PDB file of N, CA and C in Angstrom:
ATOM      1  N   MET A   1      38.319 100.646   1.231  1.00  0.00           N
ATOM      2  CA  MET A   1      37.864 102.085   2.352  1.00  0.00           C
ATOM      3  C   MET A   1      36.392 102.756   2.568  1.00  0.00           C
ATOM      4  N   LYS A   2      36.389 102.378   3.844  1.00  0.00           N
ATOM      5  CA  LYS A   2      34.865 102.756   4.036  1.00  0.00           C
ATOM      6  C   LYS A   2      35.148 104.032   4.294  1.00  0.00           C
ATOM      7  N   VAL A   3      33.688 104.533   3.570  1.00  0.00           N
ATOM      8  CA  VAL A   3      33.665 106.341   3.933  1.00  0.00           C
ATOM      9  C   VAL A   3      33.024 106.497   5.039  1.00  0.00           C
ATOM     10  N   PRO A   4      33.203 107.357   5.869  1.00  0.00           N
ATOM     11  CA  PRO A   4      32.769 107.907   7.270  1.00  0.00           C
ATOM     12  C   PRO A   4      31.534 108.660   6.376  1.00  0.00           C
ATOM     13  N   ILE A   5      30.201 108.073   7.302  1.00  0.00           N
ATOM     14  CA  ILE A   5      28.977 109.350   7.000  1.00  0.00           C
ATOM     15  C   ILE A   5      28.858 109.689   7.987  1.00  0.00           C
ATOM     16  N   LEU A   6      28.871 111.276   8.372  1.00  0.00           N
ATOM     17  CA  LEU A   6      28.482 112.183   9.626  1.00  0.00           C
ATOM     18  C   LEU A   6      27.275 112.403   9.366  1.00  0.00           C
ATOM     19  N   LYS A   7      26.802 112.978  10.875  1.00  0.00           N
ATOM     20  CA  LYS A   7      25.265 113.497  10.811  1.00  0.00           C
ATOM     21  C   LYS A   7      25.670 115.005  11.129  1.00  0.00           C
ATOM     22  N   GLN A   8      24.510 115.516  10.945  1.00  0.00           N
ATOM     23  CA  GLN A   8      25.214 116.960  11.362  1.00  0.00           C
ATOM     24  C   GLN A   8      23.573 118.004  11.300  1.00  0.00           C
ATOM     25  N   GLY A   9      22.678 117.784  11.965  1.00  0.00           N
ATOM     26  CA  GLY A   9      21.353 117.969  12.111  1.00  0.00           C
ATOM     27  C   GLY A   9      20.715 117.455  10.955  1.00  0.00           C
ATOM     28  N   ASP A  10      19.739 117.640  10.003  1.00  0.00           N
ATOM     29  CA  ASP A  10      18.479 116.856   8.739  1.00  0.00           C
ATOM     30  C   ASP A  10      19.865 116.644   7.709  1.00  0.00           C
ATOM     31  N   TYR A  11      21.039 116.523   7.876  1.00  0.00           N
ATOM     32  CA  TYR A  11      21.923 116.404   6.678  1.00  0.00           C
ATOM     33  C   TYR A  11      23.151 115.751   7.147  1.00  0.00           C
ATOM     34  N   LEU A  12      23.567 114.605   6.301  1.00  0.00           N
ATOM     35  CA  LEU A  12      24.462 113.653   6.017  1.00  0.00           C
ATOM     36  C   LEU A  12      25.729 114.359   5.247  1.00  0.00           C
ATOM     37  N   ILE A  13      26.793 113.821   6.014  1.00  0.00           N
ATOM     38  CA  ILE A  13      28.144 114.249   5.172  1.00  0.00           C
ATOM     39  C   ILE A  13      29.165 113.110   5.200  1.00  0.00           C
ATOM     40  N   ALA A  14      29.462 112.953   3.661  1.00  0.00           N
ATOM     41  CA  ALA A  14      30.078 111.927   3.622  1.00  0.00           C
ATOM     42  C   ALA A  14      31.494 111.817   2.763  1.00  0.00           C
ATOM     43  N   SER A  15      32.602 111.786   3.656  1.00  0.00           N
ATOM     44  CA  SER A  15      34.077 112.750   3.158  1.00  0.00           C
ATOM     45  C   SER A  15      34.493 111.391   2.820  1.00  0.00           C
ATOM     46  N   ILE A  16      35.139 111.820   1.251  1.00  0.00           N
ATOM     47  CA  ILE A  16      35.628 110.033   0.819  1.00  0.00           C
ATOM     48  C   ILE A  16      37.444 110.419   0.907  1.00  0.00           C
ATOM     49  N   GLN A  17      38.320 109.904   1.606  1.00  0.00           N
ATOM     50  CA  GLN A  17      39.432 109.647   2.017  1.00  0.00           C
ATOM     51  C   GLN A  17      40.386 109.425   1.421  1.00  0.00           C
ATOM     52  N   GLY A  18      40.156 108.669   0.400  1.00  0.00           N
ATOM     53  CA  GLY A  18      40.838 108.198  -0.224  1.00  0.00           C
ATOM     54  C   GLY A  18      40.745 108.112  -1.690  1.00  0.00           C
ATOM     55  N   ALA A  19      41.331 107.081  -2.830  1.00  0.00           N
ATOM     56  CA  ALA A  19      40.760 106.276  -3.752  1.00  0.00           C
ATOM     57  C   ALA A  19      39.659 105.013  -3.490  1.00  0.00           C
ATOM     58  N   LEU A  20      38.804 104.964  -4.058  1.00  0.00           N
ATOM     59  CA  LEU A  20      37.940 104.393  -4.039  1.00  0.00           C
ATOM     60  C   LEU A  20      37.745 103.076  -4.679  1.00  0.00           C
ATOM     61  N   THR A  21      37.668 101.966  -4.875  1.00  0.00           N
ATOM     62  CA  THR A  21      37.654 101.069  -5.513  1.00  0.00           C
ATOM     63  C   THR A  21      35.951 101.082  -6.231  1.00  0.00           C
ATOM     64  N   ASP A  22      35.705 100.216  -6.939  1.00  0.00           N
ATOM     65  CA  ASP A  22      34.142  99.884  -7.525  1.00  0.00           C
ATOM     66  C   ASP A  22      33.127  99.495  -6.198  1.00  0.00           C
ATOM     67  N   THR A  23      34.368  98.733  -5.636  1.00  0.00           N
ATOM     68  CA  THR A  23      33.223  97.909  -4.391  1.00  0.00           C
ATOM     69  C   THR A  23      33.069  98.606  -3.454  1.00  0.00           C
ATOM     70  N   ASP A  24      34.242  99.711  -3.429  1.00  0.00           N
ATOM     71  CA  ASP A  24      34.187 100.557  -2.319  1.00  0.00           C
ATOM     72  C   ASP A  24      32.464 102.033  -2.567  1.00  0.00           C
ATOM     73  N   LEU A  25      32.781 101.939  -3.853  1.00  0.00           N
ATOM     74  CA  LEU A  25      31.444 103.034  -4.244  1.00  0.00           C
ATOM     75  C   LEU A  25      30.145 102.671  -4.459  1.00  0.00           C
ATOM     76  N   THR A  26      30.145 101.191  -4.358  1.00  0.00           N
ATOM     77  CA  THR A  26      28.793 100.542  -4.295  1.00  0.00           C
ATOM     78  C   THR A  26      28.813 100.373  -2.677  1.00  0.00           C
ATOM     79  N   LEU A  27      29.392 100.210  -1.437  1.00  0.00           N
ATOM     80  CA  LEU A  27      29.416 100.234  -0.920  1.00  0.00           C
ATOM     81  C   LEU A  27      28.606 101.527  -0.297  1.00  0.00           C
ATOM     82  N   LEU A  28      29.542 102.744  -0.772  1.00  0.00           N
ATOM     83  CA  LEU A  28      28.604 104.308  -0.458  1.00  0.00           C
ATOM     84  C   LEU A  28      27.390 104.110  -0.270  1.00  0.00           C
ATOM     85  N   GLN A  29      27.378 103.298  -2.020  1.00  0.00           N
ATOM     86  CA  GLN A  29      25.757 104.117  -2.869  1.00  0.00           C
ATOM     87  C   GLN A  29      24.991 103.170  -1.416  1.00  0.00           C
ATOM     88  N   GLU A  30      25.213 102.008  -1.219  1.00  0.00           N
ATOM     89  CA  GLU A  30      24.268 101.665  -0.310  1.00  0.00           C
ATOM     90  C   GLU A  30      24.144 102.219   1.274  1.00  0.00           C
ATOM     91  N   ASN A  31      25.468 102.227   2.009  1.00  0.00           N
ATOM     92  CA  ASN A  31      25.186 102.793   3.346  1.00  0.00           C
ATOM     93  C   ASN A  31      24.800 104.349   3.007  1.00  0.00           C
ATOM     94  N   LEU A  32      24.763 105.130   2.278  1.00  0.00           N
ATOM     95  CA  LEU A  32      24.532 106.448   1.755  1.00  0.00           C
ATOM     96  C   LEU A  32      22.497 106.312   1.783  1.00  0.00           C
ATOM     97  N   VAL A  33      22.122 105.571   1.093  1.00  0.00           N
ATOM     98  CA  VAL A  33      20.902 105.164   0.681  1.00  0.00           C
ATOM     99  C   VAL A  33      20.023 105.019   2.148  1.00  0.00           C
ATOM    100  N   HIS A  34      20.732 104.076   3.097  1.00  0.00           N
ATOM    101  CA  HIS A  34      20.289 103.267   3.936  1.00  0.00           C
ATOM    102  C   HIS A  34      20.174 104.437   4.731  1.00  0.00           C
ATOM    103  N   SER A  35      21.498 105.305   5.309  1.00  0.00           N
ATOM    104  CA  SER A  35      21.873 106.074   5.925  1.00  0.00           C
ATOM    105  C   SER A  35      20.301 107.544   6.086  1.00  0.00           C
ATOM    106  N   VAL A  36      20.202 107.656   4.803  1.00  0.00           N
ATOM    107  CA  VAL A  36      19.317 108.981   4.372  1.00  0.00           C
ATOM    108  C   VAL A  36      17.924 107.825   4.961  1.00  0.00           C
ATOM    109  N   ARG A  37      17.168 107.049   4.903  1.00  0.00           N
ATOM    110  CA  ARG A  37      16.327 106.684   5.055  1.00  0.00           C
ATOM    111  C   ARG A  37      16.198 106.409   6.786  1.00  0.00           C
ATOM    112  N   SER A  38      17.269 105.704   7.567  1.00  0.00           N
ATOM    113  CA  SER A  38      17.298 105.751   9.219  1.00  0.00           C
ATOM    114  C   SER A  38      17.038 107.160   9.667  1.00  0.00           C
ATOM    115  N   ASN A  39      17.870 108.263   9.245  1.00  0.00           N
ATOM    116  CA  ASN A  39      18.085 109.192   9.851  1.00  0.00           C
ATOM    117  C   ASN A  39      16.981 110.744   9.098  1.00  0.00           C
ATOM    118  N   ARG A  40      15.919 110.103   8.354  1.00  0.00           N
ATOM    119  CA  ARG A  40      15.092 110.438   7.961  1.00  0.00           C
ATOM    120  C   ARG A  40      15.909 112.023   7.407  1.00  0.00           C
ATOM    121  N   SER A  41      16.953 111.666   6.674  1.00  0.00           N
ATOM    122  CA  SER A  41      18.006 113.195   5.930  1.00  0.00           C
ATOM    123  C   SER A  41      17.029 113.977   4.976  1.00  0.00           C
ATOM    124  N   LYS A  42      17.264 115.054   5.277  1.00  0.00           N
ATOM    125  CA  LYS A  42      16.850 115.993   4.043  1.00  0.00           C
ATOM    126  C   LYS A  42      17.751 116.268   3.094  1.00  0.00           C
ATOM    127  N   GLY A  43      19.118 115.894   3.060  1.00  0.00           N
ATOM    128  CA  GLY A  43      20.094 116.130   2.395  1.00  0.00           C
ATOM    129  C   GLY A  43      21.450 115.214   2.457  1.00  0.00           C
ATOM    130  N   VAL A  44      22.329 115.375   1.593  1.00  0.00           N
ATOM    131  CA  VAL A  44      23.738 114.739   1.622  1.00  0.00           C
ATOM    132  C   VAL A  44      24.624 115.389   1.191  1.00  0.00           C
ATOM    133  N   VAL A  45      25.664 115.573   1.981  1.00  0.00           N
ATOM    134  CA  VAL A  45      26.891 115.982   0.755  1.00  0.00           C
ATOM    135  C   VAL A  45      28.099 114.884   0.603  1.00  0.00           C
ATOM    136  N   VAL A  46      28.650 114.904  -0.215  1.00  0.00           N
ATOM    137  CA  VAL A  46      29.632 113.844  -0.539  1.00  0.00           C
ATOM    138  C   VAL A  46      30.549 114.754  -0.885  1.00  0.00           C
ATOM    139  N   ASP A  47      31.555 114.689  -0.244  1.00  0.00           N
ATOM    140  CA  ASP A  47      33.001 115.995  -0.690  1.00  0.00           C
ATOM    141  C   ASP A  47      33.942 114.941  -1.254  1.00  0.00           C
ATOM    142  N   VAL A  48      34.361 115.301  -2.489  1.00  0.00           N
ATOM    143  CA  VAL A  48      35.059 114.388  -2.862  1.00  0.00           C
ATOM    144  C   VAL A  48      36.756 115.120  -3.389  1.00  0.00           C
ATOM    145  N   THR A  49      37.178 115.863  -2.338  1.00  0.00           N
ATOM    146  CA  THR A  49      38.177 116.667  -2.462  1.00  0.00           C
ATOM    147  C   THR A  49      39.323 115.939  -2.947  1.00  0.00           C
ATOM    148  N   VAL A  50      39.656 115.017  -1.963  1.00  0.00           N
ATOM    149  CA  VAL A  50      40.896 114.057  -2.000  1.00  0.00           C
ATOM    150  C   VAL A  50      40.954 113.606  -3.496  1.00  0.00           C
ATOM    151  N   LEU A  51      39.776 113.336  -4.709  1.00  0.00           N
ATOM    152  CA  LEU A  51      40.228 111.991  -5.465  1.00  0.00           C
ATOM    153  C   LEU A  51      40.762 113.283  -6.458  1.00  0.00           C
ATOM    154  N   ASP A  52      41.652 112.534  -7.009  1.00  0.00           N
ATOM    155  CA  ASP A  52      42.100 113.624  -8.323  1.00  0.00           C
ATOM    156  C   ASP A  52      42.010 112.995  -9.112  1.00  0.00           C
ATOM    157  N   VAL A  53      41.674 111.754  -9.213  1.00  0.00           N
ATOM    158  CA  VAL A  53      41.013 111.203 -10.719  1.00  0.00           C
ATOM    159  C   VAL A  53      39.250 110.463 -10.508  1.00  0.00           C
ATOM    160  N   MET A  54      38.701 110.784 -11.473  1.00  0.00           N
ATOM    161  CA  MET A  54      36.717 110.006 -11.238  1.00  0.00           C
ATOM    162  C   MET A  54      36.677 109.429 -12.503  1.00  0.00           C
ATOM    163  N   ASP A  55      36.679 108.157 -12.776  1.00  0.00           N
ATOM    164  CA  ASP A  55      36.214 107.305 -14.035  1.00  0.00           C
ATOM    165  C   ASP A  55      34.973 107.230 -13.969  1.00  0.00           C
ATOM    166  N   SER A  56      34.499 106.603 -14.907  1.00  0.00           N
ATOM    167  CA  SER A  56      33.167 106.454 -15.556  1.00  0.00           C
ATOM    168  C   SER A  56      32.448 105.797 -14.623  1.00  0.00           C
ATOM    169  N   PHE A  57      33.232 104.743 -13.736  1.00  0.00           N
ATOM    170  CA  PHE A  57      31.990 104.202 -12.924  1.00  0.00           C
ATOM    171  C   PHE A  57      31.432 104.760 -11.395  1.00  0.00           C
ATOM    172  N   ALA A  58      32.509 105.850 -11.228  1.00  0.00           N
ATOM    173  CA  ALA A  58      32.565 106.375  -9.931  1.00  0.00           C
ATOM    174  C   ALA A  58      31.126 107.691  -9.888  1.00  0.00           C
ATOM    175  N   ALA A  59      31.532 108.067 -11.802  1.00  0.00           N
ATOM    176  CA  ALA A  59      30.549 109.470 -12.267  1.00  0.00           C
ATOM    177  C   ALA A  59      29.056 109.158 -11.799  1.00  0.00           C
ATOM    178  N   ARG A  60      28.699 107.545 -12.695  1.00  0.00           N
ATOM    179  CA  ARG A  60      27.583 107.148 -12.827  1.00  0.00           C
ATOM    180  C   ARG A  60      27.222 106.880 -11.253  1.00  0.00           C
ATOM    181  N   THR A  61      28.345 106.401 -10.353  1.00  0.00           N
ATOM    182  CA  THR A  61      27.701 106.145  -8.563  1.00  0.00           C
ATOM    183  C   THR A  61      27.310 107.209  -8.084  1.00  0.00           C
ATOM    184  N   LEU A  62      27.705 107.998  -8.522  1.00  0.00           N
ATOM    185  CA  LEU A  62      27.729 109.667  -7.560  1.00  0.00           C
ATOM    186  C   LEU A  62      26.454 110.035  -8.641  1.00  0.00           C
ATOM    187  N   ARG A  63      26.163 110.029  -9.661  1.00  0.00           N
ATOM    188  CA  ARG A  63      24.548 110.088 -10.259  1.00  0.00           C
ATOM    189  C   ARG A  63      23.638 109.374  -9.964  1.00  0.00           C
ATOM    190  N   SER A  64      23.816 108.169  -9.687  1.00  0.00           N
ATOM    191  CA  SER A  64      22.410 107.170  -9.120  1.00  0.00           C
ATOM    192  C   SER A  64      22.499 107.508  -7.836  1.00  0.00           C
ATOM    193  N   ILE A  65      23.475 107.865  -6.667  1.00  0.00           N
ATOM    194  CA  ILE A  65      23.193 108.080  -5.580  1.00  0.00           C
ATOM    195  C   ILE A  65      21.979 109.591  -5.457  1.00  0.00           C
ATOM    196  N   SER A  66      22.734 110.354  -6.100  1.00  0.00           N
ATOM    197  CA  SER A  66      21.977 111.603  -6.280  1.00  0.00           C
ATOM    198  C   SER A  66      20.227 111.337  -6.681  1.00  0.00           C
ATOM    199  N   ILE A  67      20.214 110.405  -7.890  1.00  0.00           N
ATOM    200  CA  ILE A  67      19.055 109.910  -7.893  1.00  0.00           C
ATOM    201  C   ILE A  67      18.145 109.341  -6.979  1.00  0.00           C
ATOM    202  N   MET A  68      18.835 108.048  -6.143  1.00  0.00           N
ATOM    203  CA  MET A  68      18.209 107.379  -5.140  1.00  0.00           C
ATOM    204  C   MET A  68      18.053 108.346  -4.067  1.00  0.00           C
ATOM    205  N   THR A  69      18.408 109.100  -3.289  1.00  0.00           N
ATOM    206  CA  THR A  69      18.503 110.311  -2.539  1.00  0.00           C
ATOM    207  C   THR A  69      17.084 111.215  -2.848  1.00  0.00           C
ATOM    208  N   ARG A  70      17.334 111.918  -4.053  1.00  0.00           N
ATOM    209  CA  ARG A  70      16.164 112.109  -4.698  1.00  0.00           C
ATOM    210  C   ARG A  70      14.680 111.977  -4.080  1.00  0.00           C
ATOM    211  N   LEU A  71      14.576 110.229  -4.832  1.00  0.00           N
ATOM    212  CA  LEU A  71      13.590 109.416  -4.753  1.00  0.00           C
ATOM    213  C   LEU A  71      13.234 109.372  -3.315  1.00  0.00           C
ATOM    214  N   MET A  72      13.957 109.517  -2.211  1.00  0.00           N
ATOM    215  CA  MET A  72      13.917 109.310  -0.913  1.00  0.00           C
ATOM    216  C   MET A  72      13.071 111.001  -0.380  1.00  0.00           C
ATOM    217  N   GLY A  73      13.495 111.634  -1.073  1.00  0.00           N
ATOM    218  CA  GLY A  73      12.895 112.969  -0.709  1.00  0.00           C
ATOM    219  C   GLY A  73      13.813 113.922   0.202  1.00  0.00           C
ATOM    220  N   ALA A  74      15.468 113.144  -0.433  1.00  0.00           N
ATOM    221  CA  ALA A  74      16.261 114.207  -0.040  1.00  0.00           C
ATOM    222  C   ALA A  74      17.125 114.429  -0.986  1.00  0.00           C
ATOM    223  N   ASN A  75      18.121 115.430  -0.672  1.00  0.00           N
ATOM    224  CA  ASN A  75      18.708 116.361  -2.324  1.00  0.00           C
ATOM    225  C   ASN A  75      20.185 115.674  -1.922  1.00  0.00           C
ATOM    226  N   LEU A  76      21.123 115.774  -2.964  1.00  0.00           N
ATOM    227  CA  LEU A  76      22.290 115.954  -2.484  1.00  0.00           C
ATOM    228  C   LEU A  76      23.311 116.454  -3.341  1.00  0.00           C
ATOM    229  N   VAL A  77      24.532 117.178  -2.597  1.00  0.00           N
ATOM    230  CA  VAL A  77      25.563 117.636  -3.128  1.00  0.00           C
ATOM    231  C   VAL A  77      26.588 117.063  -3.297  1.00  0.00           C
ATOM    232  N   ILE A  78      27.163 117.749  -4.125  1.00  0.00           N
ATOM    233  CA  ILE A  78      28.991 116.961  -4.450  1.00  0.00           C
ATOM    234  C   ILE A  78      29.616 117.626  -4.132  1.00  0.00           C
ATOM    235  N   VAL A  79      30.853 117.900  -3.214  1.00  0.00           N
ATOM    236  CA  VAL A  79      31.423 119.203  -3.468  1.00  0.00           C
ATOM    237  C   VAL A  79      33.032 118.911  -3.187  1.00  0.00           C
ATOM    238  N   GLY A  80      33.884 119.752  -3.816  1.00  0.00           N
ATOM    239  CA  GLY A  80      35.006 119.563  -4.091  1.00  0.00           C
ATOM    240  C   GLY A  80      35.636 118.553  -4.984  1.00  0.00           C
ATOM    241  N   ILE A  81      34.527 119.496  -6.627  1.00  0.00           N
ATOM    242  CA  ILE A  81      35.653 118.592  -7.628  1.00  0.00           C
ATOM    243  C   ILE A  81      36.810 119.231  -8.045  1.00  0.00           C
ATOM    244  N   GLN A  82      37.837 118.795  -8.149  1.00  0.00           N
ATOM    245  CA  GLN A  82      39.131 119.468  -8.761  1.00  0.00           C
ATOM    246  C   GLN A  82      39.116 119.902  -9.790  1.00  0.00           C
ATOM    247  N   PRO A  83      40.132 120.870 -10.084  1.00  0.00           N
ATOM    248  CA  PRO A  83      40.017 121.271 -11.328  1.00  0.00           C
ATOM    249  C   PRO A  83      40.531 120.464 -12.705  1.00  0.00           C
ATOM    250  N   GLU A  84      41.433 119.208 -12.918  1.00  0.00           N
ATOM    251  CA  GLU A  84      42.037 118.789 -13.169  1.00  0.00           C
ATOM    252  C   GLU A  84      40.867 117.440 -13.470  1.00  0.00           C
ATOM    253  N   VAL A  85      40.114 116.956 -12.319  1.00  0.00           N
ATOM    254  CA  VAL A  85      38.800 116.157 -12.396  1.00  0.00           C
ATOM    255  C   VAL A  85      38.102 117.234 -13.589  1.00  0.00           C
ATOM    256  N   ALA A  86      37.235 117.713 -13.294  1.00  0.00           N
ATOM    257  CA  ALA A  86      36.349 118.834 -13.932  1.00  0.00           C
ATOM    258  C   ALA A  86      36.881 118.505 -15.519  1.00  0.00           C
ATOM    259  N   PHE A  87      37.927 118.850 -15.979  1.00  0.00           N
ATOM    260  CA  PHE A  87      38.352 118.806 -16.952  1.00  0.00           C
ATOM    261  C   PHE A  87      38.261 117.795 -17.634  1.00  0.00           C
ATOM    262  N   ALA A  88      38.584 116.695 -17.231  1.00  0.00           N
ATOM    263  CA  ALA A  88      38.696 115.247 -17.668  1.00  0.00           C
ATOM    264  C   ALA A  88      37.183 114.612 -18.003  1.00  0.00           C
ATOM    265  N   MET A  89      36.606 114.834 -16.914  1.00  0.00           N
ATOM    266  CA  MET A  89      35.325 114.192 -17.569  1.00  0.00           C
ATOM    267  C   MET A  89      35.082 115.016 -17.918  1.00  0.00           C
ATOM    268  N   VAL A  90      34.654 115.955 -18.193  1.00  0.00           N
ATOM    269  CA  VAL A  90      33.753 116.917 -19.866  1.00  0.00           C
ATOM    270  C   VAL A  90      34.763 115.968 -20.951  1.00  0.00           C
ATOM    271  N   GLN A  91      36.199 116.483 -20.774  1.00  0.00           N
ATOM    272  CA  GLN A  91      36.711 115.725 -21.938  1.00  0.00           C
ATOM    273  C   GLN A  91      36.398 113.928 -22.466  1.00  0.00           C
ATOM    274  N   LEU A  92      35.937 113.404 -21.346  1.00  0.00           N
ATOM    275  CA  LEU A  92      35.548 112.407 -21.341  1.00  0.00           C
ATOM    276  C   LEU A  92      33.716 112.211 -21.503  1.00  0.00           C
ATOM    277  N   GLY A  93      33.290 112.985 -21.459  1.00  0.00           N
ATOM    278  CA  GLY A  93      31.959 113.107 -21.344  1.00  0.00           C
ATOM    279  C   GLY A  93      31.395 112.374 -20.168  1.00  0.00           C
ATOM    280  N   LEU A  94      31.824 112.792 -19.422  1.00  0.00           N
ATOM    281  CA  LEU A  94      31.090 112.162 -17.705  1.00  0.00           C
ATOM    282  C   LEU A  94      30.621 113.186 -17.622  1.00  0.00           C
ATOM    283  N   THR A  95      29.599 113.073 -17.169  1.00  0.00           N
ATOM    284  CA  THR A  95      28.054 114.341 -16.488  1.00  0.00           C
ATOM    285  C   THR A  95      28.067 113.464 -14.819  1.00  0.00           C
ATOM    286  N   LEU A  96      27.126 114.805 -14.427  1.00  0.00           N
ATOM    287  CA  LEU A  96      26.649 114.332 -13.025  1.00  0.00           C
ATOM    288  C   LEU A  96      25.281 115.314 -13.037  1.00  0.00           C
ATOM    289  N   GLU A  97      24.657 114.817 -14.696  1.00  0.00           N
ATOM    290  CA  GLU A  97      23.332 115.850 -14.699  1.00  0.00           C
ATOM    291  C   GLU A  97      22.353 115.787 -13.639  1.00  0.00           C
ATOM    292  N   GLY A  98      22.201 116.753 -13.342  1.00  0.00           N
ATOM    293  CA  GLY A  98      20.834 116.645 -12.502  1.00  0.00           C
ATOM    294  C   GLY A  98      21.259 116.617 -11.308  1.00  0.00           C
ATOM    295  N   THR A  99      22.574 116.566 -10.815  1.00  0.00           N
ATOM    296  CA  THR A  99      23.166 116.842  -9.321  1.00  0.00           C
ATOM    297  C   THR A  99      23.916 118.366  -8.927  1.00  0.00           C
ATOM    298  N   MET A 100      23.390 118.285  -8.327  1.00  0.00           N
ATOM    299  CA  MET A 100      24.322 120.029  -7.310  1.00  0.00           C
ATOM    300  C   MET A 100      25.387 119.567  -7.309  1.00  0.00           C
ATOM    301  N   THR A 101      26.264 120.153  -7.944  1.00  0.00           N
ATOM    302  CA  THR A 101      27.548 120.374  -6.924  1.00  0.00           C
ATOM    303  C   THR A 101      27.618 122.254  -6.180  1.00  0.00           C
ATOM    304  N   SER A 102      28.840 122.112  -5.524  1.00  0.00           N
ATOM    305  CA  SER A 102      29.809 122.859  -5.065  1.00  0.00           C
ATOM    306  C   SER A 102      31.262 122.987  -4.939  1.00  0.00           C
ATOM    307  N   LEU A 103      32.155 124.178  -4.878  1.00  0.00           N
ATOM    308  CA  LEU A 103      32.987 124.282  -4.642  1.00  0.00           C
ATOM    309  C   LEU A 103      33.467 123.708  -2.818  1.00  0.00           C
ATOM    310  N   ASP A 104      32.858 123.752  -1.935  1.00  0.00           N
ATOM    311  CA  ASP A 104      33.157 123.000  -0.595  1.00  0.00           C
ATOM    312  C   ASP A 104      32.041 123.228   0.213  1.00  0.00           C
ATOM    313  N   LEU A 105      32.493 122.166   1.232  1.00  0.00           N
ATOM    314  CA  LEU A 105      31.558 121.980   1.823  1.00  0.00           C
ATOM    315  C   LEU A 105      30.790 122.881   2.432  1.00  0.00           C
ATOM    316  N   GLU A 106      31.171 124.168   2.984  1.00  0.00           N
ATOM    317  CA  GLU A 106      30.097 125.324   3.793  1.00  0.00           C
ATOM    318  C   GLU A 106      29.249 125.490   2.624  1.00  0.00           C
ATOM    319  N   ASP A 107      29.818 125.601   1.061  1.00  0.00           N
ATOM    320  CA  ASP A 107      29.184 126.060   0.188  1.00  0.00           C
ATOM    321  C   ASP A 107      28.126 124.999  -0.092  1.00  0.00           C
ATOM    322  N   GLY A 108      28.407 123.681   0.049  1.00  0.00           N
ATOM    323  CA  GLY A 108      26.972 122.780  -0.006  1.00  0.00           C
ATOM    324  C   GLY A 108      26.031 122.578   0.731  1.00  0.00           C
ATOM    325  N   LEU A 109      26.606 123.255   2.230  1.00  0.00           N
ATOM    326  CA  LEU A 109      25.391 122.757   3.349  1.00  0.00           C
ATOM    327  C   LEU A 109      24.732 124.196   2.757  1.00  0.00           C
ATOM    328  N   ALA A 110      25.080 125.220   2.024  1.00  0.00           N
ATOM    329  CA  ALA A 110      24.086 126.470   2.223  1.00  0.00           C
ATOM    330  C   ALA A 110      23.141 125.790   1.139  1.00  0.00           C
ATOM    331  N   MET A 111      23.618 125.255  -0.239  1.00  0.00           N
ATOM    332  CA  MET A 111      22.754 125.062  -0.893  1.00  0.00           C
ATOM    333  C   MET A 111      21.146 123.743  -0.522  1.00  0.00           C
ATOM    334  N   LEU A 112      21.739 122.976   0.245  1.00  0.00           N
ATOM    335  CA  LEU A 112      21.090 122.490   0.618  1.00  0.00           C
ATOM    336  C   LEU A 112      20.346 123.031   1.422  1.00  0.00           C
ATOM    337  N   ARG A 113      20.625 123.895   2.353  1.00  0.00           N
ATOM    338  CA  ARG A 113      19.243 124.711   3.398  1.00  0.00           C
ATOM    339  C   ARG A 113      18.233 125.181   1.770  1.00  0.00           C
ATOM    340  N   ALA A 114      18.809 125.642   1.435  1.00  0.00           N
ATOM    341  CA  ALA A 114      18.415 127.102   0.543  1.00  0.00           C
ATOM    342  C   ALA A 114      17.388 125.901  -0.140  1.00  0.00           C
ATOM    343  N   ALA A 115      17.858 124.746  -0.833  1.00  0.00           N
ATOM    344  CA  ALA A 115      16.787 123.728  -1.755  1.00  0.00           C
ATOM    345  C   ALA A 115      15.948 123.158  -0.625  1.00  0.00           C
ATOM    346  N   ASP A 116      16.503 122.973   0.718  1.00  0.00           N
ATOM    347  CA  ASP A 116      14.889 122.521   1.599  1.00  0.00           C
ATOM    348  C   ASP A 116      14.549 123.578   1.886  1.00  0.00           C
ATOM    349  N   GLY A 117      14.930 125.114   2.182  1.00  0.00           N
ATOM    350  CA  GLY A 117      13.557 125.962   2.115  1.00  0.00           C
ATOM    351  C   GLY A 117      12.324 126.488   1.272  1.00  0.00           C
ATOM    352  N   GLU A 118      12.802 125.587  -0.460  1.00  0.00           N
ATOM    353  CA  GLU A 118      12.014 125.890  -1.264  1.00  0.00           C
ATOM    354  C   GLU A 118      11.636 125.231  -1.339  1.00  0.00           C
ATOM    355  N   LYS A 119      11.572 123.369  -0.728  1.00  0.00           N
ATOM    356  CA  LYS A 119      10.838 121.558  -1.159  1.00  0.00           C
ATOM    357  C   LYS A 119      10.038 123.106   0.083  1.00  0.00           C
ATOM    358  N   GLY A 120      10.237 123.068   1.265  1.00  0.00           N
ATOM    359  CA  GLY A 120       9.208 123.731   2.356  1.00  0.00           C
ATOM    360  C   GLY A 120       8.527 124.768   1.949  1.00  0.00           C
ATOM    361  N   SER A 121       8.598 125.233   1.431  1.00  0.00           N
ATOM    362  CA  SER A 121       7.298 126.715   1.156  1.00  0.00           C
ATOM    363  C   SER A 121       6.462 125.724   0.021  1.00  0.00           C
ATOM    364  N   ASP A 122       6.938 124.700  -0.810  1.00  0.00           N
ATOM    365  CA  ASP A 122       6.219 124.001  -1.871  1.00  0.00           C
ATOM    366  C   ASP A 122       5.077 123.316  -0.696  1.00  0.00           C
ATOM    367  N   ARG A 123       5.767 122.442  -0.391  1.00  0.00           N
ATOM    368  CA  ARG A 123       4.600 121.910   0.904  1.00  0.00           C
ATOM    369  C   ARG A 123       2.989 122.791   1.801  1.00  0.00           C
ATOM    370  N   HIS A 124       3.572 123.782   1.587  1.00  0.00           N
ATOM    371  CA  HIS A 124       2.662 124.937   2.461  1.00  0.00           C
ATOM    372  C   HIS A 124       1.951 125.571   1.258  1.00  0.00           C
ATOM    373  N   GLY A 125       2.128 125.421   0.314  1.00  0.00           N
ATOM    374  CA  GLY A 125       1.748 126.181  -0.618  1.00  0.00           C
ATOM    375  C   GLY A 125       1.884 127.002  -1.050  1.00  0.00           C
ATOM    376  N   ARG A 126       3.424 127.741  -0.731  1.00  0.00           N
ATOM    377  CA  ARG A 126       3.799 129.330  -0.804  1.00  0.00           C
ATOM    378  C   ARG A 126       4.216 129.424  -1.888  1.00  0.00           C
TER     379      ARG A 126
END
């Protein structure tokens, strides 16, 4: 299942619509990294609201996407992690360490704007 990647200003939004295979996750990773580059995006939101399960491969892939986008100068926020998914991830020792997370898309975009503002002030020595 291909994950749509929408452009909203300086940000990209990838909204997962259903369960993804490992191949789908790898394709999402490749598409997001290329989209960040081609759109010169400052940030990415990955919406996982519909996922009721997140295995170790999915968690590692999301963490890898976060690291890759940071290396390209963009931030990433994962939004919509369900309580049951968070509980299971903790029980299994799966973390998204170093990755911003938020409850919903609106808060995720606000986090990106705040992070972008901080990054911008650093560039100008303020």
